[in-house]
């Protein structure tokens, strides 16, 4: 059973930084793509960033230049470095891992950006 566990969320002031981590119980090499999505209260879940097993990255326009996704295959972990946080980045952040046939979600970690 594959499990994804997010950590690193919390309360931060605008302009601050956080680093989210997503630990995978299985081998990250089995995942074609890992990613982060987020869902703000009253809004649909949206893609934040993805990274393939080859290291290709993709970002939502709203986070380009501020967020960086990376993966450490040795630690079976994916990270999301978030800099220049804004109030509108407040959301629950979910980790997603996908093989060619399955998708796995974590339970989420809350990020609150507030003065």
N, C-alpha and C. Protein backbone atom coordinates (compact mmCIF):
# COMPACT_ATOMS: atom_id res chain seq x y z
N UNK A 1 0.85 -1.19 0.00
CA UNK A 1 0.00 0.00 0.00
C UNK A 1 0.89 1.25 0.00
N UNK A 2 0.73 2.04 -1.01
CA UNK A 2 1.51 3.27 -1.12
C UNK A 2 0.87 4.34 -0.25
N UNK A 3 1.68 5.04 0.53
CA UNK A 3 1.19 6.15 1.34
C UNK A 3 2.07 7.37 1.12
N UNK A 4 1.42 8.52 1.07
CA UNK A 4 2.12 9.79 0.95
C UNK A 4 1.80 10.61 2.20
N UNK A 5 2.83 11.13 2.85
CA UNK A 5 2.63 11.89 4.08
C UNK A 5 3.30 13.25 3.92
N UNK A 6 2.45 14.29 3.96
CA UNK A 6 2.96 15.65 3.83
C UNK A 6 3.32 16.22 5.20
N UNK A 7 4.26 17.15 5.19
CA UNK A 7 4.62 17.87 6.40
C UNK A 7 5.20 19.23 6.00
N UNK A 8 5.32 20.11 7.00
CA UNK A 8 5.96 21.39 6.75
C UNK A 8 5.03 22.58 6.67
N UNK A 9 3.73 22.33 6.71
CA UNK A 9 2.80 23.44 6.67
C UNK A 9 2.83 24.24 7.97
N UNK A 10 2.16 25.38 7.94
CA UNK A 10 2.10 26.21 9.14
C UNK A 10 1.66 27.61 8.82
N UNK A 11 1.84 28.48 9.78
CA UNK A 11 1.46 29.89 9.66
C UNK A 11 2.70 30.73 9.36
N UNK A 12 2.58 31.56 8.35
CA UNK A 12 3.72 32.40 7.96
C UNK A 12 3.19 33.75 7.52
N UNK A 13 3.99 34.77 7.68
CA UNK A 13 3.60 36.11 7.25
C UNK A 13 3.83 36.28 5.75
N UNK A 14 3.11 37.20 5.14
CA UNK A 14 3.36 37.47 3.71
C UNK A 14 4.82 37.81 3.46
N UNK A 15 5.34 37.24 2.37
CA UNK A 15 6.74 37.42 2.05
C UNK A 15 7.65 36.35 2.63
N UNK A 16 7.11 35.54 3.51
CA UNK A 16 7.89 34.50 4.16
C UNK A 16 8.05 33.25 3.31
N UNK A 17 8.69 32.25 3.89
CA UNK A 17 8.99 31.01 3.19
C UNK A 17 8.60 29.79 4.01
N UNK A 18 8.27 28.73 3.31
CA UNK A 18 8.04 27.43 3.92
C UNK A 18 8.56 26.37 2.96
N UNK A 19 8.95 25.22 3.51
CA UNK A 19 9.29 24.09 2.67
C UNK A 19 8.41 22.91 3.06
N UNK A 20 7.63 22.46 2.12
CA UNK A 20 6.79 21.29 2.32
C UNK A 20 7.55 20.04 1.90
N UNK A 21 7.28 18.96 2.62
CA UNK A 21 7.86 17.66 2.28
C UNK A 21 6.76 16.64 2.09
N UNK A 22 7.00 15.71 1.19
CA UNK A 22 6.07 14.61 0.96
C UNK A 22 6.88 13.33 0.97
N UNK A 23 6.69 12.54 2.01
CA UNK A 23 7.41 11.28 2.14
C UNK A 23 6.56 10.14 1.59
N UNK A 24 7.17 9.35 0.74
CA UNK A 24 6.49 8.23 0.09
C UNK A 24 6.90 6.94 0.78
N UNK A 25 5.89 6.11 1.11
CA UNK A 25 6.19 4.86 1.81
C UNK A 25 6.84 3.83 0.89
N UNK A 26 6.53 3.92 -0.40
CA UNK A 26 7.14 2.99 -1.35
C UNK A 26 8.35 3.62 -2.00
N UNK A 27 8.72 3.07 -3.14
CA UNK A 27 9.86 3.60 -3.88
C UNK A 27 9.40 4.72 -4.81
N UNK A 28 10.05 5.86 -4.68
CA UNK A 28 9.66 7.00 -5.51
C UNK A 28 9.96 6.73 -6.97
N UNK A 29 10.87 5.80 -7.23
CA UNK A 29 11.21 5.49 -8.61
C UNK A 29 10.05 4.83 -9.34
N UNK A 30 9.07 4.32 -8.60
CA UNK A 30 7.89 3.73 -9.22
C UNK A 30 6.90 4.79 -9.71
N UNK A 31 7.12 6.02 -9.28
CA UNK A 31 6.21 7.10 -9.63
C UNK A 31 6.70 7.82 -10.88
N UNK A 32 5.85 7.85 -11.89
CA UNK A 32 6.20 8.60 -13.10
C UNK A 32 6.24 10.08 -12.80
N UNK A 33 5.31 10.52 -11.99
CA UNK A 33 5.22 11.94 -11.70
C UNK A 33 4.82 12.16 -10.25
N UNK A 34 5.43 13.15 -9.64
CA UNK A 34 5.03 13.59 -8.31
C UNK A 34 4.61 15.05 -8.42
N UNK A 35 3.69 15.44 -7.56
CA UNK A 35 3.25 16.81 -7.67
C UNK A 35 2.60 17.33 -6.41
N UNK A 36 2.38 18.62 -6.43
CA UNK A 36 1.66 19.31 -5.35
C UNK A 36 0.44 20.00 -5.95
N UNK A 37 -0.66 19.83 -5.27
CA UNK A 37 -1.88 20.56 -5.57
C UNK A 37 -2.31 21.29 -4.31
N UNK A 38 -3.21 22.22 -4.45
CA UNK A 38 -3.71 22.92 -3.28
C UNK A 38 -5.19 23.22 -3.44
N UNK A 39 -5.84 23.37 -2.29
CA UNK A 39 -7.25 23.69 -2.29
C UNK A 39 -7.54 24.70 -1.21
N UNK A 40 -7.96 25.87 -1.62
CA UNK A 40 -8.35 26.91 -0.69
C UNK A 40 -9.82 26.72 -0.33
N UNK A 41 -10.22 27.26 0.78
CA UNK A 41 -11.60 27.13 1.24
C UNK A 41 -12.55 27.68 0.19
N UNK A 42 -13.52 26.86 -0.19
CA UNK A 42 -14.53 27.30 -1.15
C UNK A 42 -14.09 27.27 -2.59
N UNK A 43 -12.90 26.75 -2.86
CA UNK A 43 -12.39 26.71 -4.22
C UNK A 43 -12.05 25.28 -4.63
N UNK A 44 -11.90 25.09 -5.93
CA UNK A 44 -11.52 23.78 -6.43
C UNK A 44 -10.03 23.53 -6.20
N UNK A 45 -9.69 22.25 -6.12
CA UNK A 45 -8.29 21.88 -6.01
C UNK A 45 -7.58 22.24 -7.32
N UNK A 46 -6.39 22.80 -7.19
CA UNK A 46 -5.66 23.22 -8.37
C UNK A 46 -4.22 22.74 -8.31
N UNK A 47 -3.65 22.55 -9.50
CA UNK A 47 -2.28 22.11 -9.61
C UNK A 47 -1.34 23.25 -9.24
N UNK A 48 -0.32 22.91 -8.47
CA UNK A 48 0.70 23.89 -8.10
C UNK A 48 1.98 23.63 -8.87
N UNK A 49 2.47 22.38 -8.77
CA UNK A 49 3.73 22.05 -9.44
C UNK A 49 3.83 20.54 -9.58
N UNK A 50 4.54 20.10 -10.64
CA UNK A 50 4.79 18.68 -10.84
C UNK A 50 6.24 18.47 -11.24
N UNK A 51 6.71 17.24 -11.00
CA UNK A 51 8.05 16.87 -11.43
C UNK A 51 8.01 15.42 -11.88
N UNK A 52 8.59 15.15 -13.04
CA UNK A 52 8.58 13.79 -13.56
C UNK A 52 9.79 13.02 -13.02
N UNK A 53 9.80 11.72 -13.33
CA UNK A 53 10.94 10.92 -12.90
C UNK A 53 12.22 11.34 -13.61
N UNK A 54 12.06 12.03 -14.72
CA UNK A 54 13.23 12.55 -15.44
C UNK A 54 13.65 13.93 -14.99
N UNK A 55 12.89 14.50 -14.05
CA UNK A 55 13.26 15.79 -13.50
C UNK A 55 12.62 16.99 -14.17
N UNK A 56 11.73 16.75 -15.15
CA UNK A 56 11.05 17.88 -15.77
C UNK A 56 10.02 18.45 -14.81
N UNK A 57 9.98 19.77 -14.74
CA UNK A 57 9.07 20.44 -13.82
C UNK A 57 8.05 21.29 -14.57
N UNK A 58 6.94 21.50 -13.88
CA UNK A 58 5.87 22.33 -14.42
C UNK A 58 5.26 23.08 -13.26
N UNK A 59 4.92 24.35 -13.49
CA UNK A 59 4.36 25.18 -12.42
C UNK A 59 3.11 25.90 -12.88
N UNK A 60 2.23 26.14 -11.93
CA UNK A 60 1.11 27.04 -12.19
C UNK A 60 1.66 28.44 -12.38
N UNK A 61 1.01 29.22 -13.23
CA UNK A 61 1.50 30.58 -13.48
C UNK A 61 1.57 31.39 -12.19
N UNK A 62 0.66 31.14 -11.28
CA UNK A 62 0.57 31.94 -10.06
C UNK A 62 1.76 31.73 -9.12
N UNK A 63 2.51 30.65 -9.31
CA UNK A 63 3.63 30.37 -8.40
C UNK A 63 4.99 30.38 -9.09
N UNK A 64 5.00 30.55 -10.40
CA UNK A 64 6.27 30.58 -11.13
C UNK A 64 7.19 31.65 -10.58
N UNK A 65 8.45 31.26 -10.38
CA UNK A 65 9.43 32.21 -9.86
C UNK A 65 9.44 32.30 -8.35
N UNK A 66 8.45 31.72 -7.70
CA UNK A 66 8.38 31.77 -6.23
C UNK A 66 8.51 30.38 -5.61
N UNK A 67 7.95 29.38 -6.25
CA UNK A 67 7.95 28.02 -5.72
C UNK A 67 8.90 27.14 -6.54
N UNK A 68 9.51 26.17 -5.86
CA UNK A 68 10.40 25.22 -6.54
C UNK A 68 10.09 23.81 -6.06
N UNK A 69 9.82 22.92 -7.00
CA UNK A 69 9.59 21.53 -6.66
C UNK A 69 10.87 20.74 -6.93
N UNK A 70 11.14 19.78 -6.06
CA UNK A 70 12.32 18.93 -6.24
C UNK A 70 12.02 17.56 -5.65
N UNK A 71 12.83 16.59 -6.03
CA UNK A 71 12.64 15.24 -5.51
C UNK A 71 13.99 14.65 -5.13
N UNK A 72 14.00 13.91 -4.02
CA UNK A 72 15.19 13.21 -3.56
C UNK A 72 14.87 11.72 -3.62
N UNK A 73 15.34 11.07 -4.66
CA UNK A 73 14.99 9.66 -4.85
C UNK A 73 15.55 8.78 -3.73
N UNK A 74 16.69 9.15 -3.20
CA UNK A 74 17.29 8.35 -2.13
C UNK A 74 16.45 8.38 -0.86
N UNK A 75 15.74 9.48 -0.66
CA UNK A 75 14.90 9.62 0.54
C UNK A 75 13.42 9.40 0.24
N UNK A 76 13.11 9.07 -1.02
CA UNK A 76 11.71 8.87 -1.40
C UNK A 76 10.85 10.05 -0.97
N UNK A 77 11.34 11.24 -1.25
CA UNK A 77 10.69 12.45 -0.77
C UNK A 77 10.65 13.50 -1.88
N UNK A 78 9.54 14.22 -1.91
CA UNK A 78 9.39 15.36 -2.81
C UNK A 78 9.22 16.61 -1.95
N UNK A 79 9.80 17.69 -2.42
CA UNK A 79 9.75 18.94 -1.66
C UNK A 79 9.08 20.03 -2.48
N UNK A 80 8.53 20.99 -1.77
CA UNK A 80 8.04 22.21 -2.41
C UNK A 80 8.57 23.39 -1.59
N UNK A 81 9.55 24.06 -2.14
CA UNK A 81 10.09 25.25 -1.51
C UNK A 81 9.24 26.43 -1.94
N UNK A 82 8.66 27.11 -0.97
CA UNK A 82 7.76 28.22 -1.26
C UNK A 82 8.35 29.51 -0.69
N UNK A 83 8.69 30.43 -1.57
CA UNK A 83 9.23 31.73 -1.17
C UNK A 83 8.26 32.83 -1.59
N UNK A 84 8.40 33.97 -1.00
CA UNK A 84 7.54 35.09 -1.36
C UNK A 84 6.07 34.78 -1.19
N UNK A 85 5.72 34.12 -0.10
CA UNK A 85 4.34 33.68 0.09
C UNK A 85 3.38 34.86 0.17
N UNK A 86 2.19 34.64 -0.37
CA UNK A 86 1.14 35.65 -0.40
C UNK A 86 -0.08 35.14 0.32
N UNK A 87 -0.92 36.04 0.72
CA UNK A 87 -2.15 35.65 1.41
C UNK A 87 -2.95 34.66 0.55
N UNK A 88 -2.95 34.87 -0.75
CA UNK A 88 -3.72 34.01 -1.65
C UNK A 88 -3.11 32.61 -1.82
N UNK A 89 -1.94 32.36 -1.25
CA UNK A 89 -1.36 31.02 -1.25
C UNK A 89 -1.93 30.16 -0.11
N UNK A 90 -2.73 30.76 0.75
CA UNK A 90 -3.33 30.02 1.85
C UNK A 90 -4.22 28.90 1.31
N UNK A 91 -3.94 27.67 1.75
CA UNK A 91 -4.68 26.52 1.25
C UNK A 91 -4.17 25.27 1.96
N UNK A 92 -4.89 24.19 1.76
CA UNK A 92 -4.36 22.87 2.11
C UNK A 92 -3.59 22.36 0.91
N UNK A 93 -2.36 21.96 1.13
CA UNK A 93 -1.49 21.48 0.06
C UNK A 93 -1.43 19.96 0.10
N UNK A 94 -1.71 19.37 -1.05
CA UNK A 94 -1.75 17.92 -1.17
C UNK A 94 -0.64 17.42 -2.08
N UNK A 95 -0.04 16.32 -1.68
CA UNK A 95 0.96 15.65 -2.50
C UNK A 95 0.26 14.59 -3.35
N UNK A 96 0.69 14.46 -4.57
CA UNK A 96 0.14 13.47 -5.50
C UNK A 96 1.28 12.70 -6.13
N UNK A 97 1.14 11.39 -6.15
CA UNK A 97 2.08 10.53 -6.84
C UNK A 97 1.34 9.69 -7.86
N UNK A 98 1.88 9.63 -9.07
CA UNK A 98 1.19 8.88 -10.12
C UNK A 98 2.14 7.89 -10.78
N UNK A 99 1.64 6.67 -10.96
CA UNK A 99 2.30 5.73 -11.84
C UNK A 99 1.57 5.84 -13.18
N UNK A 100 1.84 4.92 -14.09
CA UNK A 100 1.12 4.98 -15.37
C UNK A 100 -0.31 4.50 -15.25
N UNK A 101 -0.64 3.87 -14.11
CA UNK A 101 -1.99 3.33 -13.95
C UNK A 101 -2.70 3.78 -12.69
N UNK A 102 -2.00 4.33 -11.73
CA UNK A 102 -2.60 4.67 -10.45
C UNK A 102 -2.18 6.06 -10.02
N UNK A 103 -3.05 6.66 -9.17
CA UNK A 103 -2.73 7.94 -8.56
C UNK A 103 -2.94 7.84 -7.06
N UNK A 104 -2.04 8.43 -6.31
CA UNK A 104 -2.08 8.36 -4.86
C UNK A 104 -2.01 9.77 -4.29
N UNK A 105 -2.90 10.05 -3.32
CA UNK A 105 -2.94 11.36 -2.68
C UNK A 105 -2.55 11.25 -1.22
N UNK A 106 -1.90 12.28 -0.72
CA UNK A 106 -1.69 12.42 0.71
C UNK A 106 -2.90 13.09 1.35
N UNK A 107 -2.85 13.24 2.65
CA UNK A 107 -3.97 13.83 3.38
C UNK A 107 -3.91 15.35 3.47
N UNK A 108 -2.80 15.92 3.07
CA UNK A 108 -2.71 17.37 3.02
C UNK A 108 -2.05 18.00 4.24
N UNK A 109 -1.50 19.18 4.00
CA UNK A 109 -0.93 19.98 5.08
C UNK A 109 -1.36 21.43 4.87
N UNK A 110 -1.76 22.08 5.94
CA UNK A 110 -2.33 23.42 5.84
C UNK A 110 -1.24 24.48 5.85
N UNK A 111 -1.32 25.36 4.88
CA UNK A 111 -0.45 26.54 4.82
C UNK A 111 -1.32 27.77 4.97
N UNK A 112 -1.01 28.58 5.96
CA UNK A 112 -1.75 29.82 6.20
C UNK A 112 -0.80 30.99 6.12
N UNK A 113 -1.10 31.90 5.21
CA UNK A 113 -0.29 33.11 5.05
C UNK A 113 -1.13 34.29 5.53
N UNK A 114 -0.67 34.91 6.61
CA UNK A 114 -1.47 35.96 7.24
C UNK A 114 -0.55 36.96 7.91
N UNK A 115 -0.92 38.27 7.85
CA UNK A 115 -0.09 39.29 8.52
C UNK A 115 -0.04 39.08 10.03
